[in-house]
Amino acid sequence: MDEKPENIGVIYLSWHSKQSAGTFEQLPPSFMKRWKLYIELMIYANPETAAHVRDKFWMGEDLYIVMALPDLQQQELQGNLLQAAGKWQEEAERGFSGAELGAMPDMRLHAGVGLVERGDTGSPVSRLYEASKRALLYGQQKEALTRAMRLQYLNGLIRGKLLIPVYQPIMSLQEIGSERAAFGYEALTRFPKNKWFSSPLDLFAFAEESGEVARLDQTAREQAVEGITGLQPHQKLFLNMTAQLLNEGSFYPDRLAKMMEQRGLSPHHIVFEITERSAIQDYGSVLATLAQYRRQGFQIAIDDVGAGYSSLQAIIELKPDYIKVDRSLIMGIHEHEMKEHIVHTLVQLADKMAIGIIAEGIEHQEELDKVKAMGVHYAQGYLLGRPGEIAGLVQRR
């Protein structure tokens, strides 16, 4: 190793069974020989990555690949290591294990990364030991590399503003057929197709689990405002906001307000739609927060009423401007007496509290006819319009 301090990255690779470690002892002796030859070819197959490989060593069946990394920010260094480890892990599991481990489909290649930066003190040997130890500990955590790669992809979406806003119309049932039928639009989030997240629900659930939901929520709202065009003076833009952000008091609309001003929007255009992925914990502090937004002209909606944690309590405590009835109560309502009773009760409550009520998930004409006859004010669903770019939606209003 060069005595000059440098950024050292170590990638750890080791085959393990899902059920137990040390499975190599159950494999033919020739396995390790073939694996060592395969990994040697794989490491040096990509000249760009191979140029950073400084050394590699084996401890039993565990391989440690030592890399010298350029001077970059820590996040970028870690990202480069993860990309290399993830690529090698995927290639080996697809190419080598398919041919060599056909009789043992439960074998998985564990991968881990460890980083010691140029500024970290210590001798070359101690720095290498520290990076190797970190890679080993990382690789022994279940699905650690997959979680790290998912987090890296999530951070890339946020930093690069790569979310794709789409807008689904919310129709006024009193204005169906007129030019004022589109009462508003709900901004929904999509993203480029990838192997890490299968749906927006999957993405937001992981963000919440990883402590990144505030950043993701903020980026989604800002991109929704940046992407909207042609909103009419009477129309509303519904922006999702998690109950968790209200619990933490970590949502501040000032930056959003500046973006709105640039797009010719004012607070009266915006409805913050509170989604209940987690329950509201302190109604007192949440009410104080919402009061500030309302004084500025923003309105409030509660989403998924009938399917969340405490929808009725939220309606009573927060006194929203709109409630959105979950699609589970709307689907097939024309032939389901109990659903009809529940929605009828919500309509009565909304009328008494001067709250607009929106039926979600309308997919059939019979459902639309039923909720309109029951006195529901607004409706949203594939029958009325699928999510799409706002320019196309506005033309069809």
Protein backbone atom coordinates (compact mmCIF):
# COMPACT_ATOMS: atom_id res chain seq x y z
CA MET A 1 0.00 0.00 0.00
CA ASP A 2 1.16 3.56 -0.71
CA GLU A 3 2.29 5.31 2.48
CA LYS A 4 0.66 8.57 1.37
CA PRO A 5 -2.72 9.01 3.11
CA GLU A 6 -5.64 8.54 0.75
CA ASN A 7 -9.32 7.75 0.83
CA ILE A 8 -9.53 4.02 1.41
CA GLY A 9 -12.61 2.02 0.52
CA VAL A 10 -13.01 -1.67 1.26
CA ILE A 11 -15.66 -3.95 -0.24
CA TYR A 12 -16.42 -7.20 1.57
CA LEU A 13 -17.90 -10.18 -0.32
CA SER A 14 -18.83 -13.53 1.22
CA TRP A 15 -21.22 -16.34 0.26
CA HIS A 16 -23.71 -17.40 2.92
CA SER A 17 -26.80 -19.54 3.15
CA LYS A 18 -30.08 -17.89 4.10
CA GLN A 19 -30.34 -20.39 6.93
CA SER A 20 -26.78 -20.42 8.25
CA ALA A 21 -23.26 -19.13 7.78
CA GLY A 22 -20.22 -21.21 6.89
CA THR A 23 -21.96 -23.07 4.11
CA PHE A 24 -18.76 -23.35 2.09
CA GLU A 25 -17.82 -26.44 4.07
CA GLN A 26 -20.81 -28.17 2.46
CA LEU A 27 -19.65 -27.33 -1.07
CA PRO A 28 -17.15 -29.21 -3.26
CA PRO A 29 -13.48 -28.17 -2.73
CA SER A 30 -13.31 -26.96 -6.32
CA PHE A 31 -15.93 -24.30 -5.60
CA MET A 32 -13.51 -21.79 -4.04
CA LYS A 33 -11.07 -22.18 -6.90
CA ARG A 34 -13.76 -21.41 -9.47
CA TRP A 35 -15.14 -18.55 -7.35
CA LYS A 36 -11.69 -16.93 -7.02
CA LEU A 37 -11.17 -17.11 -10.76
CA TYR A 38 -14.65 -15.71 -11.46
CA ILE A 39 -14.31 -12.76 -9.05
CA GLU A 40 -10.85 -11.95 -10.42
CA LEU A 41 -12.27 -11.64 -13.93
CA MET A 42 -15.31 -9.73 -12.70
CA ILE A 43 -13.31 -7.14 -10.73
CA TYR A 44 -11.12 -6.23 -13.68
CA ALA A 45 -13.81 -6.45 -16.36
CA ASN A 46 -14.63 -2.74 -15.95
CA PRO A 47 -11.44 -0.66 -16.49
CA GLU A 48 -12.95 2.40 -14.82
CA THR A 49 -13.61 0.53 -11.56
CA ALA A 50 -10.50 -1.64 -11.83
CA ALA A 51 -8.31 1.49 -11.95
CA HIS A 52 -9.18 2.17 -8.29
CA VAL A 53 -8.46 -1.36 -7.02
CA ARG A 54 -5.23 -1.32 -5.00
CA ASP A 55 -5.25 -4.74 -3.39
CA LYS A 56 -7.40 -7.68 -2.41
CA PHE A 57 -7.00 -10.33 0.23
CA TRP A 58 -8.84 -13.39 1.51
CA MET A 59 -9.60 -14.33 5.08
CA GLY A 60 -10.98 -17.83 4.82
CA GLU A 61 -13.86 -17.57 2.35
CA ASP A 62 -14.26 -13.80 2.85
CA LEU A 63 -12.87 -11.49 0.18
CA TYR A 64 -11.79 -7.91 0.91
CA ILE A 65 -11.21 -5.61 -2.07
CA VAL A 66 -9.19 -2.48 -1.26
CA MET A 67 -9.81 0.62 -3.34
CA ALA A 68 -8.14 4.05 -3.44
CA LEU A 69 -10.80 6.68 -4.00
CA PRO A 70 -10.54 10.26 -5.35
CA ASP A 71 -11.13 13.37 -3.26
CA LEU A 72 -14.90 13.75 -3.20
CA GLN A 73 -17.54 14.55 -0.62
CA GLN A 74 -18.15 11.70 1.83
CA GLN A 75 -21.66 11.08 0.48
CA GLU A 76 -20.31 10.72 -3.06
CA LEU A 77 -17.45 8.46 -1.94
CA GLN A 78 -19.89 6.22 -0.08
CA GLY A 79 -22.18 6.23 -3.09
CA ASN A 80 -19.39 5.15 -5.44
CA LEU A 81 -18.46 2.29 -3.10
CA LEU A 82 -22.07 1.17 -2.85
CA GLN A 83 -22.46 1.25 -6.62
CA ALA A 84 -19.38 -0.93 -7.13
CA ALA A 85 -20.37 -3.38 -4.38
CA GLY A 86 -23.95 -3.57 -5.60
CA LYS A 87 -22.88 -4.17 -9.18
CA TRP A 88 -20.47 -6.97 -8.22
CA GLN A 89 -23.01 -8.56 -5.90
CA GLU A 90 -25.69 -8.53 -8.59
CA GLU A 91 -23.38 -9.84 -11.31
CA ALA A 92 -22.05 -12.65 -9.12
CA GLU A 93 -25.48 -13.77 -7.91
CA ARG A 94 -26.78 -13.75 -11.47
CA GLY A 95 -23.76 -15.10 -13.34
CA PHE A 96 -21.79 -17.28 -10.94
CA SER A 97 -24.40 -18.60 -8.53
CA GLY A 98 -26.75 -19.53 -11.36
CA ALA A 99 -24.16 -21.90 -12.79
CA GLU A 100 -22.37 -23.05 -9.64
CA LEU A 101 -25.08 -23.10 -6.97
CA GLY A 102 -28.03 -24.53 -8.86
CA ALA A 103 -28.45 -27.21 -6.22
CA MET A 104 -28.33 -24.61 -3.41
CA PRO A 105 -30.71 -21.80 -4.42
CA ASP A 106 -30.71 -20.34 -0.89
CA MET A 107 -27.09 -19.11 -1.21
CA ARG A 108 -26.64 -15.33 -1.23
CA LEU A 109 -23.56 -13.17 -1.66
CA HIS A 110 -23.28 -10.81 1.29
CA ALA A 111 -21.67 -7.47 0.50
CA GLY A 112 -20.51 -4.64 2.72
CA VAL A 113 -18.55 -1.41 2.35
CA GLY A 114 -16.19 0.45 4.65
CA LEU A 115 -14.71 3.91 4.11
CA VAL A 116 -11.78 5.69 5.78
CA GLU A 117 -11.21 9.21 4.47
CA ARG A 118 -7.93 10.96 3.83
CA GLY A 119 -8.27 13.13 6.91
CA ASP A 120 -8.77 10.19 9.30
CA THR A 121 -5.68 9.61 11.43
CA GLY A 122 -3.67 6.43 11.82
CA SER A 123 -1.03 4.38 10.10
CA PRO A 124 -1.75 2.81 6.70
CA VAL A 125 -2.19 -0.57 8.39
CA SER A 126 -4.59 0.73 11.05
CA ARG A 127 -6.60 2.66 8.47
CA LEU A 128 -6.90 -0.42 6.27
CA TYR A 129 -7.92 -2.48 9.29
CA GLU A 130 -10.61 0.06 10.23
CA ALA A 131 -12.05 0.16 6.70
CA SER A 132 -12.06 -3.66 6.52
CA LYS A 133 -13.76 -3.95 9.90
CA ARG A 134 -16.47 -1.52 8.84
CA ALA A 135 -17.03 -3.44 5.61
CA LEU A 136 -17.31 -6.74 7.51
CA LEU A 137 -19.78 -5.36 10.07
CA TYR A 138 -21.79 -3.74 7.29
CA GLY A 139 -21.91 -6.90 5.21
CA GLN A 140 -23.07 -9.06 8.11
CA GLN A 141 -26.23 -7.00 8.59
CA LYS A 142 -29.22 -8.54 6.85
CA GLU A 143 -29.97 -6.80 3.53
CA ALA A 144 -27.67 -3.91 4.54
CA LEU A 145 -26.44 -3.22 1.03
CA THR A 146 -29.95 -3.30 -0.42
CA ARG A 147 -31.16 -0.80 2.19
CA ALA A 148 -28.18 1.44 1.50
CA MET A 149 -28.76 1.31 -2.26
CA ARG A 150 -32.45 2.13 -1.78
CA LEU A 151 -31.50 5.07 0.44
CA GLN A 152 -28.98 6.24 -2.13
CA TYR A 153 -31.63 6.11 -4.86
CA LEU A 154 -34.09 8.00 -2.63
CA ASN A 155 -31.52 10.71 -1.90
CA GLY A 156 -30.77 10.96 -5.61
CA LEU A 157 -34.47 11.52 -6.36
CA ILE A 158 -34.60 14.30 -3.76
CA ARG A 159 -31.30 16.02 -4.61
CA GLY A 160 -31.85 15.82 -8.35
CA LYS A 161 -35.53 16.79 -8.13
CA LEU A 162 -36.33 13.71 -10.20
CA LEU A 163 -39.84 13.17 -8.86
CA ILE A 164 -42.54 13.41 -11.51
CA PRO A 165 -45.68 15.30 -10.43
CA VAL A 166 -48.98 14.22 -11.96
CA TYR A 167 -52.39 15.72 -11.29
CA GLN A 168 -55.75 13.99 -10.93
CA PRO A 169 -58.90 16.10 -11.35
CA ILE A 170 -61.42 16.54 -8.55
CA MET A 171 -64.80 17.24 -10.11
CA SER A 172 -67.67 19.29 -8.74
CA LEU A 173 -70.78 17.11 -8.93
CA GLN A 174 -72.96 20.21 -9.15
CA GLU A 175 -71.02 21.46 -12.19
CA ILE A 176 -70.62 18.22 -14.20
CA GLY A 177 -70.82 19.10 -17.89
CA SER A 178 -69.94 22.77 -17.41
CA GLU A 179 -66.63 24.61 -17.85
CA ARG A 180 -66.32 24.84 -14.06
CA ALA A 181 -66.59 21.08 -13.52
CA ALA A 182 -62.91 20.68 -12.53
CA PHE A 183 -62.97 22.02 -8.98
CA GLY A 184 -59.31 21.18 -8.45
CA TYR A 185 -56.47 18.70 -8.82
CA GLU A 186 -54.65 16.44 -6.41
CA ALA A 187 -50.89 16.40 -6.98
CA LEU A 188 -49.54 12.84 -6.92
CA THR A 189 -45.94 11.67 -7.09
CA ARG A 190 -44.39 9.36 -9.64
CA PHE A 191 -40.72 8.60 -10.35
CA PRO A 192 -38.56 6.96 -13.04
CA LYS A 193 -38.85 3.18 -13.29
CA ASN A 194 -36.19 1.49 -11.15
CA LYS A 195 -35.45 -1.76 -9.35
CA TRP A 196 -35.55 -0.34 -5.82
CA PHE A 197 -39.13 0.90 -5.44
CA SER A 198 -42.22 -0.62 -6.98
CA SER A 199 -44.72 2.17 -6.20
CA PRO A 200 -45.08 5.61 -4.56
CA LEU A 201 -46.45 3.86 -1.44
CA ASP A 202 -43.30 1.76 -1.27
CA LEU A 203 -41.12 4.87 -1.70
CA PHE A 204 -42.87 6.92 0.99
CA ALA A 205 -42.99 3.99 3.43
CA PHE A 206 -39.23 3.52 3.08
CA ALA A 207 -38.64 7.28 3.44
CA GLU A 208 -40.64 7.29 6.67
CA GLU A 209 -38.76 4.27 7.98
CA SER A 210 -35.43 5.93 7.07
CA GLY A 211 -36.22 9.33 8.56
CA GLU A 212 -36.31 11.02 5.15
CA VAL A 213 -40.05 11.55 4.75
CA ALA A 214 -39.88 15.29 5.54
CA ARG A 215 -37.37 15.90 2.73
CA LEU A 216 -39.30 13.69 0.31
CA ASP A 217 -42.62 15.35 1.17
CA GLN A 218 -41.15 18.82 0.75
CA THR A 219 -39.58 17.97 -2.61
CA ALA A 220 -42.83 16.41 -3.86
CA ARG A 221 -44.85 19.52 -2.89
CA GLU A 222 -42.35 21.92 -4.42
CA GLN A 223 -42.15 19.99 -7.68
CA ALA A 224 -45.96 19.84 -7.80
CA VAL A 225 -46.14 23.63 -7.55
CA GLU A 226 -43.32 24.09 -10.08
CA GLY A 227 -45.05 21.75 -12.54
CA ILE A 228 -48.54 23.23 -12.53
CA THR A 229 -49.77 25.49 -15.32
CA GLY A 230 -53.12 26.99 -16.21
CA LEU A 231 -54.81 26.70 -12.80
CA GLN A 232 -57.97 28.82 -12.87
CA PRO A 233 -58.86 31.35 -10.12
CA HIS A 234 -61.66 29.11 -8.77
CA GLN A 235 -59.59 25.91 -8.79
CA LYS A 236 -57.67 24.27 -5.95
CA LEU A 237 -54.41 22.34 -5.86
CA PHE A 238 -54.41 19.59 -3.22
CA LEU A 239 -50.91 18.90 -1.83
CA ASN A 240 -50.28 15.87 0.38
CA MET A 241 -48.71 16.33 3.80
CA THR A 242 -48.13 13.52 6.32
CA ALA A 243 -49.47 13.68 9.85
CA GLN A 244 -45.92 12.94 11.01
CA LEU A 245 -44.75 16.35 9.79
CA LEU A 246 -47.49 18.02 11.80
CA ASN A 247 -46.55 15.96 14.86
CA GLU A 248 -42.93 17.05 14.53
CA GLY A 249 -43.72 20.66 13.61
CA SER A 250 -41.24 20.29 10.74
CA PHE A 251 -43.32 21.77 7.92
CA TYR A 252 -42.87 25.43 7.06
CA PRO A 253 -44.64 26.74 3.93
CA ASP A 254 -42.49 29.88 3.49
CA ARG A 255 -40.30 28.44 0.71
CA LEU A 256 -43.36 26.95 -0.94
CA ALA A 257 -45.08 30.35 -0.81
CA LYS A 258 -42.22 31.92 -2.79
CA MET A 259 -42.54 29.23 -5.46
CA MET A 260 -46.30 29.76 -5.58
CA GLU A 261 -45.81 33.47 -6.12
CA GLN A 262 -43.51 32.74 -9.07
CA ARG A 263 -46.24 30.53 -10.58
CA GLY A 264 -48.97 33.14 -10.07
CA LEU A 265 -50.60 31.17 -7.24
CA SER A 266 -51.84 32.41 -3.90
CA PRO A 267 -52.56 30.51 -0.66
CA HIS A 268 -56.29 30.34 -1.47
CA HIS A 269 -55.40 28.00 -4.37
CA ILE A 270 -53.75 25.48 -2.03
CA VAL A 271 -55.32 22.75 0.10
CA PHE A 272 -52.95 20.81 2.35
CA GLU A 273 -54.20 17.23 2.33
CA ILE A 274 -53.25 15.46 5.56
CA THR A 275 -52.53 11.78 4.99
CA GLU A 276 -52.70 9.48 7.99
CA ARG A 277 -49.78 7.11 7.56
CA SER A 278 -49.28 7.73 11.28
CA ALA A 279 -51.72 9.00 13.88
CA ILE A 280 -51.83 12.63 14.99
CA GLN A 281 -50.31 12.59 18.47
CA ASP A 282 -50.89 16.09 19.86
CA TYR A 283 -53.96 17.83 18.49
CA GLY A 284 -53.22 20.99 20.49
CA SER A 285 -49.89 21.70 18.82
CA VAL A 286 -51.18 20.59 15.40
CA LEU A 287 -54.15 22.97 15.70
CA ALA A 288 -51.78 25.83 16.51
CA THR A 289 -49.67 24.99 13.45
CA LEU A 290 -52.69 24.74 11.15
CA ALA A 291 -54.07 28.03 12.49
CA GLN A 292 -50.96 29.78 11.14
CA TYR A 293 -51.51 28.29 7.68
CA ARG A 294 -55.20 29.20 7.70
CA ARG A 295 -54.43 32.80 8.61
CA GLN A 296 -52.35 32.96 5.42
CA GLY A 297 -55.28 31.62 3.36
CA PHE A 298 -54.37 27.93 3.01
CA GLN A 299 -57.11 25.33 3.44
CA ILE A 300 -56.98 21.86 5.03
CA ALA A 301 -58.30 18.46 3.93
CA ILE A 302 -58.21 15.10 5.69
CA ASP A 303 -57.47 12.18 3.39
CA ASP A 304 -58.59 8.53 3.57
CA VAL A 305 -61.51 9.17 5.92
CA GLY A 306 -62.89 5.80 6.94
CA ALA A 307 -59.59 3.97 6.58
CA GLY A 308 -57.06 5.89 8.69
CA TYR A 309 -56.03 5.86 12.32
CA SER A 310 -58.53 8.25 13.85
CA SER A 311 -60.41 10.00 11.05
CA LEU A 312 -63.51 10.97 13.05
CA GLN A 313 -61.43 12.45 15.85
CA ALA A 314 -59.33 14.33 13.29
CA ILE A 315 -62.49 15.78 11.69
CA ILE A 316 -63.85 16.93 15.05
CA GLU A 317 -60.54 18.32 16.34
CA LEU A 318 -59.15 19.90 13.17
CA LYS A 319 -62.40 21.09 11.56
CA PRO A 320 -61.03 20.67 8.03
CA ASP A 321 -62.35 22.49 4.98
CA TYR A 322 -62.66 19.17 3.10
CA ILE A 323 -62.79 15.48 3.91
CA LYS A 324 -61.93 12.81 1.36
CA VAL A 325 -63.83 9.56 1.79
CA ASP A 326 -61.55 6.57 1.23
CA ARG A 327 -62.13 4.51 -1.90
CA SER A 328 -62.77 1.40 0.23
CA LEU A 329 -66.10 2.98 1.23
CA ILE A 330 -66.92 4.17 -2.29
CA MET A 331 -66.13 1.02 -4.25
CA GLY A 332 -69.42 -0.73 -5.00
CA ILE A 333 -71.41 1.65 -2.77
CA HIS A 334 -74.45 1.35 -5.07
CA GLU A 335 -74.86 -2.29 -4.00
CA HIS A 336 -73.54 -2.21 -0.43
CA GLU A 337 -76.01 -1.00 2.18
CA MET A 338 -73.52 -0.63 5.05
CA LYS A 339 -71.17 1.53 2.96
CA GLU A 340 -74.14 3.68 2.00
CA HIS A 341 -75.08 4.18 5.67
CA ILE A 342 -71.52 5.18 6.62
CA VAL A 343 -71.13 7.64 3.75
CA HIS A 344 -74.59 9.07 4.45
CA THR A 345 -73.49 9.75 8.04
CA LEU A 346 -70.32 11.46 6.80
CA VAL A 347 -72.37 13.62 4.40
CA GLN A 348 -74.64 14.71 7.26
CA LEU A 349 -71.63 15.49 9.47
CA ALA A 350 -69.95 17.44 6.66
CA ASP A 351 -73.10 19.47 5.99
CA LYS A 352 -73.50 20.37 9.67
CA MET A 353 -69.85 21.42 9.95
CA ALA A 354 -69.79 23.24 6.56
CA ILE A 355 -67.15 20.85 5.23
CA GLY A 356 -66.79 19.91 1.57
CA ILE A 357 -66.91 16.14 1.05
CA ILE A 358 -64.99 14.38 -1.72
CA ALA A 359 -65.57 10.77 -2.79
CA GLU A 360 -62.32 9.06 -3.84
CA GLY A 361 -61.84 6.12 -6.18
CA ILE A 362 -64.86 6.56 -8.47
CA GLU A 363 -64.43 4.00 -11.26
CA HIS A 364 -67.99 3.18 -12.33
CA GLN A 365 -70.95 5.30 -13.39
CA GLU A 366 -73.19 3.61 -10.79
CA GLU A 367 -70.85 4.75 -8.00
CA LEU A 368 -70.86 8.30 -9.34
CA ASP A 369 -74.65 8.39 -9.64
CA LYS A 370 -75.02 7.04 -6.10
CA VAL A 371 -72.71 9.50 -4.33
CA LYS A 372 -74.18 12.42 -6.28
CA ALA A 373 -77.70 11.39 -5.23
CA MET A 374 -76.50 11.16 -1.61
CA GLY A 375 -75.36 14.79 -1.62
CA VAL A 376 -71.59 14.30 -1.95
CA HIS A 377 -70.11 17.56 -3.25
CA TYR A 378 -67.05 16.43 -5.20
CA ALA A 379 -65.64 13.23 -6.70
CA GLN A 380 -62.30 11.90 -7.89
CA GLY A 381 -61.36 8.68 -9.68
CA TYR A 382 -60.44 7.02 -12.96
CA LEU A 383 -63.99 7.42 -14.31
CA LEU A 384 -63.58 11.19 -14.08
CA GLY A 385 -59.92 11.47 -15.04
CA ARG A 386 -56.64 9.66 -14.58
CA PRO A 387 -53.54 11.39 -13.18
CA GLY A 388 -51.62 13.19 -15.90
CA GLU A 389 -49.73 16.31 -16.84
CA ILE A 390 -51.63 19.42 -15.86
CA ALA A 391 -51.54 20.99 -19.34
CA GLY A 392 -53.62 18.17 -20.77
CA LEU A 393 -55.99 18.14 -17.81
CA VAL A 394 -56.71 21.86 -17.89
CA GLN A 395 -57.70 21.66 -21.55
CA ARG A 396 -60.35 19.04 -20.63
CA ARG A 397 -61.82 20.82 -17.62
